[in-house]
Amino acid sequence: MNILLNGFSGFMGSEVVKLASAGYRDARVTVGVDPRPNGNTDIALFTSLDDITDTAGIDCIIDFSHHSCVCALLDFAKENSIPTVVCTTGHTEDELRAIRQAALEIPVFFSANMSLGVALLVELAKRAALAMPEAEIEIIEKHHNRKLDAPSGTALMIANALTEVRPEAYTNLGRSGNGKRTREEIGIHAIRMGNIVGEHEVIIGTQNQTITLKHEAHSRALFAEGAIAAAEFLVGMKAGLYDMKSIVSGNAHDSAFSEN
């Protein structure tokens, strides 16, 4: 599988190159794009997508650049009919609309979290919540002391996924004050300290038993693993919008977000 890597010289781009060089899922980065490319003689490097005149042999694009580049990237992908994995976050409504529109013409993979392990955690949590309708649910997330947002986007993603099987549920961010919790409440608690890469724990319990599901990130390289797995999944798929749930469930019709 030959990859065009947009954002080649960034931290995550470098992680993708390392994994591909080690033979992960038989991936090969054959083309790199970055405004300030740092050289690898085995890879064709360009400062702009506009400089690429031959896309023959490129199986998929992985984008670890910046969300503001997504519209131009998708125009390039559509023009050359190349499946694209969008790994950037923080998109504006116009950029999200561009992703949805591109997915009408080419396969596009887009997820709020590129970790396959987190996707598995979400699906297991949903199954447990569905199987134990009387259970109470709490989410604990831990990150390094430099992280600005709390709770994390991943914790919110988990909570939103749980409301798919518990539509009556609501989130309580950082519980405080007096009052008994209700069964419909999903508590989310954020911890910020030290150099924790990222931990997400879902606790599902009744009066008589508790299930604890936990994902722990050891390095940000896991997002590079997820991006390459997504590219492998996307190659050969029909036009559409896909996400990590598509891989975990095996349902090619699952999409990252709806038209609404």
C-alpha atoms as a PDB file:
ATOM      1  CA  MET A   1       0.000   0.000   0.000  1.00  0.00           C
ATOM      2  CA  ASN A   2       1.606   3.246  -1.205  1.00  0.00           C
ATOM      3  CA  ILE A   3       0.814   6.347   0.854  1.00  0.00           C
ATOM      4  CA  LEU A   4       0.961  10.059   0.119  1.00  0.00           C
ATOM      5  CA  LEU A   5       1.653  11.643   3.509  1.00  0.00           C
ATOM      6  CA  ASN A   6       0.482  15.240   3.886  1.00  0.00           C
ATOM      7  CA  GLY A   7       2.215  16.855   6.863  1.00  0.00           C
ATOM      8  CA  PHE A   8       5.289  14.744   6.278  1.00  0.00           C
ATOM      9  CA  SER A   9       7.701  16.653   8.542  1.00  0.00           C
ATOM     10  CA  GLY A  10       5.434  17.055  11.568  1.00  0.00           C
ATOM     11  CA  PHE A  11       5.623  14.888  14.684  1.00  0.00           C
ATOM     12  CA  MET A  12       2.801  12.582  13.632  1.00  0.00           C
ATOM     13  CA  GLY A  13       4.030  12.473  10.041  1.00  0.00           C
ATOM     14  CA  SER A  14       7.385  11.272  11.334  1.00  0.00           C
ATOM     15  CA  GLU A  15       5.646   8.555  13.355  1.00  0.00           C
ATOM     16  CA  VAL A  16       3.830   7.330  10.239  1.00  0.00           C
ATOM     17  CA  VAL A  17       7.143   7.191   8.359  1.00  0.00           C
ATOM     18  CA  LYS A  18       8.766   5.204  11.194  1.00  0.00           C
ATOM     19  CA  LEU A  19       5.972   2.643  11.268  1.00  0.00           C
ATOM     20  CA  ALA A  20       5.866   2.298   7.501  1.00  0.00           C
ATOM     21  CA  SER A  21       9.657   1.920   7.357  1.00  0.00           C
ATOM     22  CA  ALA A  22       9.353  -0.919   9.872  1.00  0.00           C
ATOM     23  CA  GLY A  23       6.857  -2.690   7.583  1.00  0.00           C
ATOM     24  CA  TYR A  24       3.699  -2.001   9.584  1.00  0.00           C
ATOM     25  CA  ARG A  25       0.731  -3.437   7.624  1.00  0.00           C
ATOM     26  CA  ASP A  26       2.910  -3.472   4.498  1.00  0.00           C
ATOM     27  CA  ALA A  27       2.553   0.317   4.202  1.00  0.00           C
ATOM     28  CA  ARG A  28       5.057   2.453   2.287  1.00  0.00           C
ATOM     29  CA  VAL A  29       5.264   6.235   2.305  1.00  0.00           C
ATOM     30  CA  THR A  30       6.216   6.982  -1.277  1.00  0.00           C
ATOM     31  CA  VAL A  31       5.268  10.679  -1.452  1.00  0.00           C
ATOM     32  CA  GLY A  32       5.600  13.337   1.263  1.00  0.00           C
ATOM     33  CA  VAL A  33       4.157  16.863   1.262  1.00  0.00           C
ATOM     34  CA  ASP A  34       5.214  19.578   3.695  1.00  0.00           C
ATOM     35  CA  PRO A  35       6.042  23.297   3.403  1.00  0.00           C
ATOM     36  CA  ARG A  36       9.373  22.505   5.101  1.00  0.00           C
ATOM     37  CA  PRO A  37      10.217  18.946   4.090  1.00  0.00           C
ATOM     38  CA  ASN A  38      13.199  17.365   5.797  1.00  0.00           C
ATOM     39  CA  GLY A  39      14.878  15.006   3.431  1.00  0.00           C
ATOM     40  CA  ASN A  40      14.460  11.296   2.973  1.00  0.00           C
ATOM     41  CA  THR A  41      15.996  10.304  -0.334  1.00  0.00           C
ATOM     42  CA  ASP A  42      13.739   7.248  -0.663  1.00  0.00           C
ATOM     43  CA  ILE A  43      10.596   9.394  -0.598  1.00  0.00           C
ATOM     44  CA  ALA A  44       9.518  11.915  -3.226  1.00  0.00           C
ATOM     45  CA  LEU A  45       9.132  15.188  -1.298  1.00  0.00           C
ATOM     46  CA  PHE A  46       7.086  18.233  -2.323  1.00  0.00           C
ATOM     47  CA  THR A  47       6.361  21.558  -0.634  1.00  0.00           C
ATOM     48  CA  SER A  48       2.814  21.673  -2.032  1.00  0.00           C
ATOM     49  CA  LEU A  49       0.183  19.351  -3.459  1.00  0.00           C
ATOM     50  CA  ASP A  50       0.190  21.625  -6.525  1.00  0.00           C
ATOM     51  CA  ASP A  51       3.728  20.447  -7.328  1.00  0.00           C
ATOM     52  CA  ILE A  52       2.643  16.815  -7.765  1.00  0.00           C
ATOM     53  CA  THR A  53       2.060  16.006 -11.425  1.00  0.00           C
ATOM     54  CA  ASP A  54       1.976  12.197 -11.284  1.00  0.00           C
ATOM     55  CA  THR A  55      -0.236  10.354  -8.781  1.00  0.00           C
ATOM     56  CA  ALA A  56       0.051   6.930 -10.411  1.00  0.00           C
ATOM     57  CA  GLY A  57       0.677   4.248  -7.824  1.00  0.00           C
ATOM     58  CA  ILE A  58      -0.646   6.228  -4.840  1.00  0.00           C
ATOM     59  CA  ASP A  59      -3.190   4.069  -3.030  1.00  0.00           C
ATOM     60  CA  CYS A  60      -4.233   6.428  -0.233  1.00  0.00           C
ATOM     61  CA  ILE A  61      -3.583   9.837   1.328  1.00  0.00           C
ATOM     62  CA  ILE A  62      -2.950  10.245   5.066  1.00  0.00           C
ATOM     63  CA  ASP A  63      -3.297  13.825   6.292  1.00  0.00           C
ATOM     64  CA  PHE A  64      -1.517  14.897   9.481  1.00  0.00           C
ATOM     65  CA  SER A  65      -1.061  18.537   8.464  1.00  0.00           C
ATOM     66  CA  HIS A  66      -3.517  21.182   9.788  1.00  0.00           C
ATOM     67  CA  HIS A  67      -7.298  21.345   9.632  1.00  0.00           C
ATOM     68  CA  SER A  68      -7.150  24.548   7.559  1.00  0.00           C
ATOM     69  CA  CYS A  69      -5.554  22.556   4.710  1.00  0.00           C
ATOM     70  CA  VAL A  70      -8.372  20.032   4.411  1.00  0.00           C
ATOM     71  CA  CYS A  71     -10.380  21.759   1.654  1.00  0.00           C
ATOM     72  CA  ALA A  72      -7.418  22.013  -0.721  1.00  0.00           C
ATOM     73  CA  LEU A  73      -6.387  18.467   0.168  1.00  0.00           C
ATOM     74  CA  LEU A  74      -9.834  17.066  -0.615  1.00  0.00           C
ATOM     75  CA  ASP A  75      -9.972  18.971  -3.917  1.00  0.00           C
ATOM     76  CA  PHE A  76      -6.686  17.279  -4.853  1.00  0.00           C
ATOM     77  CA  ALA A  77      -7.965  13.877  -3.683  1.00  0.00           C
ATOM     78  CA  LYS A  78     -11.204  14.203  -5.654  1.00  0.00           C
ATOM     79  CA  GLU A  79      -9.413  15.361  -8.791  1.00  0.00           C
ATOM     80  CA  ASN A  80      -7.158  12.306  -8.641  1.00  0.00           C
ATOM     81  CA  SER A  81      -9.709   9.847  -7.179  1.00  0.00           C
ATOM     82  CA  ILE A  82      -7.540   8.941  -4.179  1.00  0.00           C
ATOM     83  CA  PRO A  83      -9.045   7.644  -0.896  1.00  0.00           C
ATOM     84  CA  THR A  84      -8.148   9.972   1.974  1.00  0.00           C
ATOM     85  CA  VAL A  85      -7.661   9.575   5.728  1.00  0.00           C
ATOM     86  CA  VAL A  86      -8.187  12.918   7.501  1.00  0.00           C
ATOM     87  CA  CYS A  87      -6.362  12.825  10.851  1.00  0.00           C
ATOM     88  CA  THR A  88      -6.549  16.519  11.722  1.00  0.00           C
ATOM     89  CA  THR A  89      -8.990  17.956  14.277  1.00  0.00           C
ATOM     90  CA  GLY A  90     -10.528  21.332  15.133  1.00  0.00           C
ATOM     91  CA  HIS A  91     -12.351  21.769  11.812  1.00  0.00           C
ATOM     92  CA  THR A  92     -14.726  24.639  11.160  1.00  0.00           C
ATOM     93  CA  GLU A  93     -18.279  24.003   9.995  1.00  0.00           C
ATOM     94  CA  ASP A  94     -17.233  24.851   6.429  1.00  0.00           C
ATOM     95  CA  GLU A  95     -14.389  22.333   6.614  1.00  0.00           C
ATOM     96  CA  LEU A  96     -16.671  19.635   8.019  1.00  0.00           C
ATOM     97  CA  ARG A  97     -19.073  20.353   5.167  1.00  0.00           C
ATOM     98  CA  ALA A  98     -16.204  19.915   2.697  1.00  0.00           C
ATOM     99  CA  ILE A  99     -15.408  16.515   4.229  1.00  0.00           C
ATOM    100  CA  ARG A 100     -19.028  15.405   3.867  1.00  0.00           C
ATOM    101  CA  GLN A 101     -19.174  16.634   0.280  1.00  0.00           C
ATOM    102  CA  ALA A 102     -15.912  14.914  -0.670  1.00  0.00           C
ATOM    103  CA  ALA A 103     -17.237  11.629   0.717  1.00  0.00           C
ATOM    104  CA  LEU A 104     -19.920  11.711  -1.986  1.00  0.00           C
ATOM    105  CA  GLU A 105     -17.162  11.268  -4.586  1.00  0.00           C
ATOM    106  CA  ILE A 106     -14.315   9.367  -2.876  1.00  0.00           C
ATOM    107  CA  PRO A 107     -13.807   7.217   0.223  1.00  0.00           C
ATOM    108  CA  VAL A 108     -12.990   9.500   3.176  1.00  0.00           C
ATOM    109  CA  PHE A 109     -11.991   8.322   6.657  1.00  0.00           C
ATOM    110  CA  PHE A 110     -12.522  10.817   9.486  1.00  0.00           C
ATOM    111  CA  SER A 111     -12.561  10.182  13.234  1.00  0.00           C
ATOM    112  CA  ALA A 112     -12.363  12.296  16.398  1.00  0.00           C
ATOM    113  CA  ASN A 113      -9.779   9.833  17.704  1.00  0.00           C
ATOM    114  CA  MET A 114      -7.529   7.746  15.457  1.00  0.00           C
ATOM    115  CA  SER A 115      -6.829   5.094  18.100  1.00  0.00           C
ATOM    116  CA  LEU A 116      -8.190   1.664  17.230  1.00  0.00           C
ATOM    117  CA  GLY A 117      -8.010   0.772  20.927  1.00  0.00           C
ATOM    118  CA  VAL A 118     -10.253   3.696  21.884  1.00  0.00           C
ATOM    119  CA  ALA A 119     -12.729   2.621  19.207  1.00  0.00           C
ATOM    120  CA  LEU A 120     -12.810  -0.852  20.750  1.00  0.00           C
ATOM    121  CA  LEU A 121     -13.296   0.685  24.196  1.00  0.00           C
ATOM    122  CA  VAL A 122     -16.295   2.647  22.915  1.00  0.00           C
ATOM    123  CA  GLU A 123     -17.938  -0.401  21.369  1.00  0.00           C
ATOM    124  CA  LEU A 124     -17.370  -2.561  24.462  1.00  0.00           C
ATOM    125  CA  ALA A 125     -18.773   0.180  26.701  1.00  0.00           C
ATOM    126  CA  LYS A 126     -21.888   0.446  24.535  1.00  0.00           C
ATOM    127  CA  ARG A 127     -22.425  -3.316  24.685  1.00  0.00           C
ATOM    128  CA  ALA A 128     -22.059  -3.360  28.469  1.00  0.00           C
ATOM    129  CA  ALA A 129     -24.402  -0.389  28.920  1.00  0.00           C
ATOM    130  CA  LEU A 130     -26.997  -2.040  26.702  1.00  0.00           C
ATOM    131  CA  ALA A 131     -26.707  -5.404  28.461  1.00  0.00           C
ATOM    132  CA  MET A 132     -26.948  -3.785  31.922  1.00  0.00           C
ATOM    133  CA  PRO A 133     -29.692  -1.138  31.598  1.00  0.00           C
ATOM    134  CA  GLU A 134     -29.879  -0.696  35.372  1.00  0.00           C
ATOM    135  CA  ALA A 135     -26.164   0.096  35.732  1.00  0.00           C
ATOM    136  CA  GLU A 136     -24.668   3.487  36.574  1.00  0.00           C
ATOM    137  CA  ILE A 137     -21.848   4.814  34.366  1.00  0.00           C
ATOM    138  CA  GLU A 138     -18.844   6.995  35.158  1.00  0.00           C
ATOM    139  CA  ILE A 139     -15.981   8.078  32.866  1.00  0.00           C
ATOM    140  CA  ILE A 140     -12.547   9.065  34.167  1.00  0.00           C
ATOM    141  CA  GLU A 141      -9.971  10.588  31.832  1.00  0.00           C
ATOM    142  CA  LYS A 142      -6.356  11.469  32.653  1.00  0.00           C
ATOM    143  CA  HIS A 143      -3.921  13.601  30.662  1.00  0.00           C
ATOM    144  CA  HIS A 144      -0.689  15.557  31.087  1.00  0.00           C
ATOM    145  CA  ASN A 145      -0.728  18.929  32.800  1.00  0.00           C
ATOM    146  CA  ARG A 146      -0.303  20.802  29.503  1.00  0.00           C
ATOM    147  CA  LYS A 147      -3.647  19.728  28.043  1.00  0.00           C
ATOM    148  CA  LEU A 148      -5.956  22.723  27.775  1.00  0.00           C
ATOM    149  CA  ASP A 149      -9.426  21.223  27.293  1.00  0.00           C
ATOM    150  CA  ALA A 150     -11.341  19.350  29.979  1.00  0.00           C
ATOM    151  CA  PRO A 151     -13.004  16.980  29.611  1.00  0.00           C
ATOM    152  CA  SER A 152     -11.142  15.520  26.670  1.00  0.00           C
ATOM    153  CA  GLY A 153     -12.775  15.222  23.274  1.00  0.00           C
ATOM    154  CA  THR A 154     -12.382  11.456  23.561  1.00  0.00           C
ATOM    155  CA  ALA A 155     -14.279  11.355  26.868  1.00  0.00           C
ATOM    156  CA  LEU A 156     -17.102  13.319  25.276  1.00  0.00           C
ATOM    157  CA  MET A 157     -17.018  10.969  22.283  1.00  0.00           C
ATOM    158  CA  ILE A 158     -17.416   7.992  24.636  1.00  0.00           C
ATOM    159  CA  ALA A 159     -20.318   9.671  26.437  1.00  0.00           C
ATOM    160  CA  ASN A 160     -22.031  10.559  23.158  1.00  0.00           C
ATOM    161  CA  ALA A 161     -21.646   6.957  21.982  1.00  0.00           C
ATOM    162  CA  LEU A 162     -23.255   5.701  25.200  1.00  0.00           C
ATOM    163  CA  THR A 163     -26.305   7.892  24.585  1.00  0.00           C
ATOM    164  CA  GLU A 164     -26.874   5.911  21.386  1.00  0.00           C
ATOM    165  CA  VAL A 165     -27.907   2.950  23.562  1.00  0.00           C
ATOM    166  CA  ARG A 166     -29.202   5.132  26.398  1.00  0.00           C
ATOM    167  CA  PRO A 167     -30.998   8.049  24.748  1.00  0.00           C
ATOM    168  CA  GLU A 168     -32.315   9.240  28.119  1.00  0.00           C
ATOM    169  CA  ALA A 169     -28.786   9.711  29.505  1.00  0.00           C
ATOM    170  CA  TYR A 170     -27.100  13.058  30.114  1.00  0.00           C
ATOM    171  CA  THR A 171     -23.550  14.029  31.104  1.00  0.00           C
ATOM    172  CA  ASN A 172     -22.441  15.605  34.359  1.00  0.00           C
ATOM    173  CA  LEU A 173     -19.026  17.207  33.938  1.00  0.00           C
ATOM    174  CA  GLY A 174     -17.021  17.295  37.163  1.00  0.00           C
ATOM    175  CA  ARG A 175     -19.715  16.495  39.719  1.00  0.00           C
ATOM    176  CA  SER A 176     -19.975  18.935  42.629  1.00  0.00           C
ATOM    177  CA  GLY A 177     -22.479  20.104  45.211  1.00  0.00           C
ATOM    178  CA  ASN A 178     -25.144  18.107  47.056  1.00  0.00           C
ATOM    179  CA  GLY A 179     -27.636  15.641  45.651  1.00  0.00           C
ATOM    180  CA  LYS A 180     -27.922  11.982  44.749  1.00  0.00           C
ATOM    181  CA  ARG A 181     -26.936  10.931  41.256  1.00  0.00           C
ATOM    182  CA  THR A 182     -29.583   9.501  38.944  1.00  0.00           C
ATOM    183  CA  ARG A 183     -29.230   6.387  36.824  1.00  0.00           C
ATOM    184  CA  GLU A 184     -29.495   8.530  33.697  1.00  0.00           C
ATOM    185  CA  GLU A 185     -26.413  10.530  34.649  1.00  0.00           C
ATOM    186  CA  ILE A 186     -23.042   9.801  33.040  1.00  0.00           C
ATOM    187  CA  GLY A 187     -20.353  11.423  35.165  1.00  0.00           C
ATOM    188  CA  ILE A 188     -17.154  12.622  33.486  1.00  0.00           C
ATOM    189  CA  HIS A 189     -14.092  13.419  35.576  1.00  0.00           C
ATOM    190  CA  ALA A 190     -10.886  15.002  34.233  1.00  0.00           C
ATOM    191  CA  ILE A 191      -7.459  14.619  35.837  1.00  0.00           C
ATOM    192  CA  ARG A 192      -4.496  16.736  34.697  1.00  0.00           C
ATOM    193  CA  MET A 193      -1.045  15.952  36.056  1.00  0.00           C
ATOM    194  CA  GLY A 194       2.527  15.162  35.143  1.00  0.00           C
ATOM    195  CA  ASN A 195       3.239  13.667  31.732  1.00  0.00           C
ATOM    196  CA  ILE A 196       0.320  11.246  31.324  1.00  0.00           C
ATOM    197  CA  VAL A 197      -0.124  10.588  27.593  1.00  0.00           C
ATOM    198  CA  GLY A 198      -3.780   9.681  27.905  1.00  0.00           C
ATOM    199  CA  GLU A 199      -6.015   7.305  29.853  1.00  0.00           C
ATOM    200  CA  HIS A 200      -9.755   6.752  29.510  1.00  0.00           C
ATOM    201  CA  GLU A 201     -11.684   4.544  31.897  1.00  0.00           C
ATOM    202  CA  VAL A 202     -15.372   3.626  31.765  1.00  0.00           C
ATOM    203  CA  ILE A 203     -16.901   2.206  34.954  1.00  0.00           C
ATOM    204  CA  ILE A 204     -20.265   0.464  34.620  1.00  0.00           C
ATOM    205  CA  GLY A 205     -21.715  -0.794  37.876  1.00  0.00           C
ATOM    206  CA  THR A 206     -24.801  -2.063  39.666  1.00  0.00           C
ATOM    207  CA  GLN A 207     -25.396  -2.762  43.350  1.00  0.00           C
ATOM    208  CA  ASN A 208     -23.837  -6.203  42.904  1.00  0.00           C
ATOM    209  CA  GLN A 209     -21.127  -5.972  40.248  1.00  0.00           C
ATOM    210  CA  THR A 210     -18.868  -3.593  38.376  1.00  0.00           C
ATOM    211  CA  ILE A 211     -17.262  -3.710  34.946  1.00  0.00           C
ATOM    212  CA  THR A 212     -14.233  -1.481  34.331  1.00  0.00           C
ATOM    213  CA  LEU A 213     -13.008  -0.834  30.791  1.00  0.00           C
ATOM    214  CA  LYS A 214      -9.769   1.092  30.348  1.00  0.00           C
ATOM    215  CA  HIS A 215      -7.596   2.309  27.497  1.00  0.00           C
ATOM    216  CA  GLU A 216      -4.114   3.651  28.179  1.00  0.00           C
ATOM    217  CA  ALA A 217      -1.993   5.363  25.537  1.00  0.00           C
ATOM    218  CA  HIS A 218       1.751   4.804  25.915  1.00  0.00           C
ATOM    219  CA  SER A 219       2.759   7.189  23.136  1.00  0.00           C
ATOM    220  CA  ARG A 220       1.202   9.292  20.410  1.00  0.00           C
ATOM    221  CA  ALA A 221       2.489   6.728  17.912  1.00  0.00           C
ATOM    222  CA  LEU A 222      -0.790   4.887  18.433  1.00  0.00           C
ATOM    223  CA  PHE A 223      -2.473   7.536  16.260  1.00  0.00           C
ATOM    224  CA  ALA A 224      -0.038   6.718  13.450  1.00  0.00           C
ATOM    225  CA  GLU A 225      -0.963   3.042  13.846  1.00  0.00           C
ATOM    226  CA  GLY A 226      -4.615   3.968  13.567  1.00  0.00           C
ATOM    227  CA  ALA A 227      -4.037   6.123  10.487  1.00  0.00           C
ATOM    228  CA  ILE A 228      -2.263   3.313   8.645  1.00  0.00           C
ATOM    229  CA  ALA A 229      -4.981   0.833   9.681  1.00  0.00           C
ATOM    230  CA  ALA A 230      -7.583   3.296   8.394  1.00  0.00           C
ATOM    231  CA  ALA A 231      -5.749   3.646   5.074  1.00  0.00           C
ATOM    232  CA  GLU A 232      -5.604  -0.126   4.705  1.00  0.00           C
ATOM    233  CA  PHE A 233      -9.351  -0.313   5.398  1.00  0.00           C
ATOM    234  CA  LEU A 234     -10.180   2.499   2.980  1.00  0.00           C
ATOM    235  CA  VAL A 235      -8.364   1.186  -0.096  1.00  0.00           C
ATOM    236  CA  GLY A 236     -10.901  -0.477  -2.371  1.00  0.00           C
ATOM    237  CA  MET A 237     -13.941   0.932  -0.575  1.00  0.00           C
ATOM    238  CA  LYS A 238     -16.666   2.804  -2.442  1.00  0.00           C
ATOM    239  CA  ALA A 239     -17.235   6.527  -1.946  1.00  0.00           C
ATOM    240  CA  GLY A 240     -18.499   7.290   1.550  1.00  0.00           C
ATOM    241  CA  LEU A 241     -17.639   8.612   4.977  1.00  0.00           C
ATOM    242  CA  TYR A 242     -15.984   6.126   7.328  1.00  0.00           C
ATOM    243  CA  ASP A 243     -14.592   6.174  10.869  1.00  0.00           C
ATOM    244  CA  MET A 244     -13.055   3.871  13.493  1.00  0.00           C
ATOM    245  CA  LYS A 245     -16.470   2.395  14.213  1.00  0.00           C
ATOM    246  CA  SER A 246     -16.506   1.224  10.593  1.00  0.00           C
ATOM    247  CA  ILE A 247     -13.387  -0.865  11.256  1.00  0.00           C
ATOM    248  CA  VAL A 248     -14.455  -2.206  14.648  1.00  0.00           C
ATOM    249  CA  SER A 249     -17.999  -3.117  13.606  1.00  0.00           C
ATOM    250  CA  GLY A 250     -17.081  -4.243  10.106  1.00  0.00           C
ATOM    251  CA  ASN A 251     -19.979  -2.147   8.833  1.00  0.00           C
ATOM    252  CA  ALA A 252     -18.854  -0.214   5.773  1.00  0.00           C
ATOM    253  CA  HIS A 253     -21.871   2.074   6.051  1.00  0.00           C
ATOM    254  CA  ASP A 254     -20.979   3.535   9.455  1.00  0.00           C
ATOM    255  CA  SER A 255     -20.092   7.212   9.141  1.00  0.00           C
ATOM    256  CA  ALA A 256     -18.145   9.648  11.244  1.00  0.00           C
ATOM    257  CA  PHE A 257     -20.937  12.220  11.468  1.00  0.00           C
ATOM    258  CA  SER A 258     -24.308  12.764   9.901  1.00  0.00           C
ATOM    259  CA  GLU A 259     -25.420  15.409   7.453  1.00  0.00           C
ATOM    260  CA  ASN A 260     -27.129  17.110  10.383  1.00  0.00           C
END
